[in-house]
Amino acid sequence: MGYSSFEDLDVWKRSCRLTVRLYELLRGCRDYGLKDQMTRAAVSVPSNIAEGYERNSVKESIHFFHISKGSAAELRTQIYIAGRIGILPDNEVQQLAQEIKEISSMLQGLIRSYKKKYP
């Protein structure tokens, strides 16, 4: 695919940055249930990109990219909920939601490119 490792993928880099940002924002959060769900979903996005990239079959790679995309949707939902209940400020909700939408779109592009290049 033109990359030597998953660390070269922009989608992986962006999802790692988003995960770190989320951890920073939730540092003082006392709603441990939602915080745990959000951090697990956030960590799942770059982790499954990495795992998919390192798999030896296209089918397996695509499977993990789909899991990552699902985790992105889960996280976006949780971001909206956290905003509505006052855990995250509105400006952060908007920025985080936009970033996770773009990451999801990038994942869809990665999936399409794998399917096209390796039918």
C-alpha atoms as a PDB file:
ATOM      1  CA  MET A   1       0.000   0.000   0.000  1.00  0.00           C
ATOM      2  CA  GLY A   2       3.015   2.296  -0.076  1.00  0.00           C
ATOM      3  CA  TYR A   3       3.480   2.379   3.705  1.00  0.00           C
ATOM      4  CA  SER A   4       6.132   0.538   5.629  1.00  0.00           C
ATOM      5  CA  SER A   5       4.243   0.417   8.919  1.00  0.00           C
ATOM      6  CA  PHE A   6       0.958   1.428  10.493  1.00  0.00           C
ATOM      7  CA  GLU A   7       2.750   4.344  12.181  1.00  0.00           C
ATOM      8  CA  ASP A   8       2.970   5.953   8.725  1.00  0.00           C
ATOM      9  CA  LEU A   9      -0.816   6.024   8.270  1.00  0.00           C
ATOM     10  CA  ASP A  10      -2.380   9.447   8.799  1.00  0.00           C
ATOM     11  CA  VAL A  11      -5.576   7.833  10.057  1.00  0.00           C
ATOM     12  CA  TRP A  12      -3.607   6.029  12.776  1.00  0.00           C
ATOM     13  CA  LYS A  13      -1.761   9.228  13.766  1.00  0.00           C
ATOM     14  CA  ARG A  14      -4.962  11.263  13.945  1.00  0.00           C
ATOM     15  CA  SER A  15      -6.804   8.625  15.943  1.00  0.00           C
ATOM     16  CA  CYS A  16      -3.916   8.454  18.431  1.00  0.00           C
ATOM     17  CA  ARG A  17      -3.967  12.250  18.828  1.00  0.00           C
ATOM     18  CA  LEU A  18      -7.724  12.192  19.356  1.00  0.00           C
ATOM     19  CA  THR A  19      -7.370   9.466  21.990  1.00  0.00           C
ATOM     20  CA  VAL A  20      -4.743  11.448  23.902  1.00  0.00           C
ATOM     21  CA  ARG A  21      -6.925  14.578  23.719  1.00  0.00           C
ATOM     22  CA  LEU A  22      -9.898  12.668  25.066  1.00  0.00           C
ATOM     23  CA  TYR A  23      -7.847  11.328  27.982  1.00  0.00           C
ATOM     24  CA  GLU A  24      -6.779  14.900  28.777  1.00  0.00           C
ATOM     25  CA  LEU A  25     -10.357  16.156  28.688  1.00  0.00           C
ATOM     26  CA  LEU A  26     -11.661  13.320  30.857  1.00  0.00           C
ATOM     27  CA  ARG A  27      -8.840  13.398  33.398  1.00  0.00           C
ATOM     28  CA  GLY A  28     -11.062  14.834  36.144  1.00  0.00           C
ATOM     29  CA  CYS A  29     -14.267  13.077  35.117  1.00  0.00           C
ATOM     30  CA  ARG A  30     -15.946  11.275  37.988  1.00  0.00           C
ATOM     31  CA  ASP A  31     -18.499   9.444  35.832  1.00  0.00           C
ATOM     32  CA  TYR A  32     -16.293   6.384  35.686  1.00  0.00           C
ATOM     33  CA  GLY A  33     -18.703   4.269  33.657  1.00  0.00           C
ATOM     34  CA  LEU A  34     -18.941   6.687  30.732  1.00  0.00           C
ATOM     35  CA  LYS A  35     -15.277   7.641  31.019  1.00  0.00           C
ATOM     36  CA  ASP A  36     -14.277   3.969  30.807  1.00  0.00           C
ATOM     37  CA  GLN A  37     -16.532   3.341  27.801  1.00  0.00           C
ATOM     38  CA  MET A  38     -15.199   6.420  26.003  1.00  0.00           C
ATOM     39  CA  THR A  39     -11.540   5.682  26.620  1.00  0.00           C
ATOM     40  CA  ARG A  40     -11.977   2.038  25.587  1.00  0.00           C
ATOM     41  CA  ALA A  41     -13.675   3.049  22.336  1.00  0.00           C
ATOM     42  CA  ALA A  42     -11.055   5.731  21.676  1.00  0.00           C
ATOM     43  CA  VAL A  43      -8.141   3.335  22.255  1.00  0.00           C
ATOM     44  CA  SER A  44      -9.850   0.732  20.072  1.00  0.00           C
ATOM     45  CA  VAL A  45      -9.735   2.955  16.980  1.00  0.00           C
ATOM     46  CA  PRO A  46      -5.932   3.194  16.495  1.00  0.00           C
ATOM     47  CA  SER A  47      -5.360  -0.234  18.058  1.00  0.00           C
ATOM     48  CA  ASN A  48      -7.528  -1.985  15.467  1.00  0.00           C
ATOM     49  CA  ILE A  49      -5.970   0.024  12.648  1.00  0.00           C
ATOM     50  CA  ALA A  50      -2.570  -1.234  13.799  1.00  0.00           C
ATOM     51  CA  GLU A  51      -3.779  -4.800  14.205  1.00  0.00           C
ATOM     52  CA  GLY A  52      -5.464  -4.791  10.811  1.00  0.00           C
ATOM     53  CA  TYR A  53      -2.403  -3.381   9.106  1.00  0.00           C
ATOM     54  CA  GLU A  54      -0.197  -6.094  10.576  1.00  0.00           C
ATOM     55  CA  ARG A  55      -2.457  -8.981   9.558  1.00  0.00           C
ATOM     56  CA  ASN A  56      -1.297 -11.302   6.804  1.00  0.00           C
ATOM     57  CA  SER A  57      -4.510 -11.394   4.824  1.00  0.00           C
ATOM     58  CA  VAL A  58      -6.548  -8.658   3.209  1.00  0.00           C
ATOM     59  CA  LYS A  59      -9.767 -10.150   4.575  1.00  0.00           C
ATOM     60  CA  GLU A  60      -8.438  -9.984   8.133  1.00  0.00           C
ATOM     61  CA  SER A  61      -7.076  -6.461   7.628  1.00  0.00           C
ATOM     62  CA  ILE A  62     -10.428  -5.215   6.374  1.00  0.00           C
ATOM     63  CA  HIS A  63     -12.172  -6.929   9.281  1.00  0.00           C
ATOM     64  CA  PHE A  64     -10.084  -4.992  11.809  1.00  0.00           C
ATOM     65  CA  PHE A  65     -10.533  -1.732   9.906  1.00  0.00           C
ATOM     66  CA  HIS A  66     -14.296  -2.295  10.171  1.00  0.00           C
ATOM     67  CA  ILE A  67     -13.968  -2.872  13.920  1.00  0.00           C
ATOM     68  CA  SER A  68     -12.046   0.409  14.152  1.00  0.00           C
ATOM     69  CA  LYS A  69     -14.781   2.196  12.196  1.00  0.00           C
ATOM     70  CA  GLY A  70     -17.411   0.744  14.535  1.00  0.00           C
ATOM     71  CA  SER A  71     -15.462   1.958  17.551  1.00  0.00           C
ATOM     72  CA  ALA A  72     -15.316   5.412  15.972  1.00  0.00           C
ATOM     73  CA  ALA A  73     -19.113   5.460  15.687  1.00  0.00           C
ATOM     74  CA  GLU A  74     -19.439   4.261  19.274  1.00  0.00           C
ATOM     75  CA  LEU A  75     -17.099   7.016  20.450  1.00  0.00           C
ATOM     76  CA  ARG A  76     -18.944   9.689  18.484  1.00  0.00           C
ATOM     77  CA  THR A  77     -22.188   8.671  20.188  1.00  0.00           C
ATOM     78  CA  GLN A  78     -20.520   8.809  23.593  1.00  0.00           C
ATOM     79  CA  ILE A  79     -19.043  12.244  22.834  1.00  0.00           C
ATOM     80  CA  TYR A  80     -22.534  13.565  22.079  1.00  0.00           C
ATOM     81  CA  ILE A  81     -23.881  12.056  25.301  1.00  0.00           C
ATOM     82  CA  ALA A  82     -20.970  13.478  27.331  1.00  0.00           C
ATOM     83  CA  GLY A  83     -21.751  16.894  25.897  1.00  0.00           C
ATOM     84  CA  ARG A  84     -25.444  16.667  26.680  1.00  0.00           C
ATOM     85  CA  ILE A  85     -24.843  15.738  30.306  1.00  0.00           C
ATOM     86  CA  GLY A  86     -22.171  18.383  30.805  1.00  0.00           C
ATOM     87  CA  ILE A  87     -19.034  16.254  30.961  1.00  0.00           C
ATOM     88  CA  LEU A  88     -17.584  17.834  27.817  1.00  0.00           C
ATOM     89  CA  PRO A  89     -17.979  21.488  26.806  1.00  0.00           C
ATOM     90  CA  ASP A  90     -19.871  22.210  23.565  1.00  0.00           C
ATOM     91  CA  ASN A  91     -16.814  23.470  21.686  1.00  0.00           C
ATOM     92  CA  GLU A  92     -14.918  20.256  22.477  1.00  0.00           C
ATOM     93  CA  VAL A  93     -17.907  18.115  21.494  1.00  0.00           C
ATOM     94  CA  GLN A  94     -18.004  19.795  18.094  1.00  0.00           C
ATOM     95  CA  GLN A  95     -14.243  19.478  17.529  1.00  0.00           C
ATOM     96  CA  LEU A  96     -14.041  15.878  18.699  1.00  0.00           C
ATOM     97  CA  ALA A  97     -17.135  14.834  16.739  1.00  0.00           C
ATOM     98  CA  GLN A  98     -15.786  16.435  13.567  1.00  0.00           C
ATOM     99  CA  GLU A  99     -12.405  14.764  13.989  1.00  0.00           C
ATOM    100  CA  ILE A 100     -13.911  11.330  14.591  1.00  0.00           C
ATOM    101  CA  LYS A 101     -16.157  11.768  11.526  1.00  0.00           C
ATOM    102  CA  GLU A 102     -13.082  12.528   9.427  1.00  0.00           C
ATOM    103  CA  ILE A 103     -11.244   9.541  10.892  1.00  0.00           C
ATOM    104  CA  SER A 104     -14.223   7.324  10.066  1.00  0.00           C
ATOM    105  CA  SER A 105     -14.226   8.642   6.518  1.00  0.00           C
ATOM    106  CA  MET A 106     -10.503   7.939   6.235  1.00  0.00           C
ATOM    107  CA  LEU A 107     -11.105   4.402   7.477  1.00  0.00           C
ATOM    108  CA  GLN A 108     -13.782   3.908   4.834  1.00  0.00           C
ATOM    109  CA  GLY A 109     -11.271   5.060   2.233  1.00  0.00           C
ATOM    110  CA  LEU A 110      -8.679   2.627   3.580  1.00  0.00           C
ATOM    111  CA  ILE A 111     -11.196  -0.214   3.400  1.00  0.00           C
ATOM    112  CA  ARG A 112     -12.135   0.739  -0.179  1.00  0.00           C
ATOM    113  CA  SER A 113      -8.491   0.900  -1.220  1.00  0.00           C
ATOM    114  CA  TYR A 114      -7.793  -2.554   0.209  1.00  0.00           C
ATOM    115  CA  LYS A 115     -10.836  -4.004  -1.539  1.00  0.00           C
ATOM    116  CA  LYS A 116      -9.879  -2.366  -4.822  1.00  0.00           C
ATOM    117  CA  LYS A 117      -6.190  -3.220  -4.731  1.00  0.00           C
ATOM    118  CA  TYR A 118      -6.669  -6.733  -3.365  1.00  0.00           C
ATOM    119  CA  PRO A 119     -10.043  -7.981  -4.685  1.00  0.00           C
END
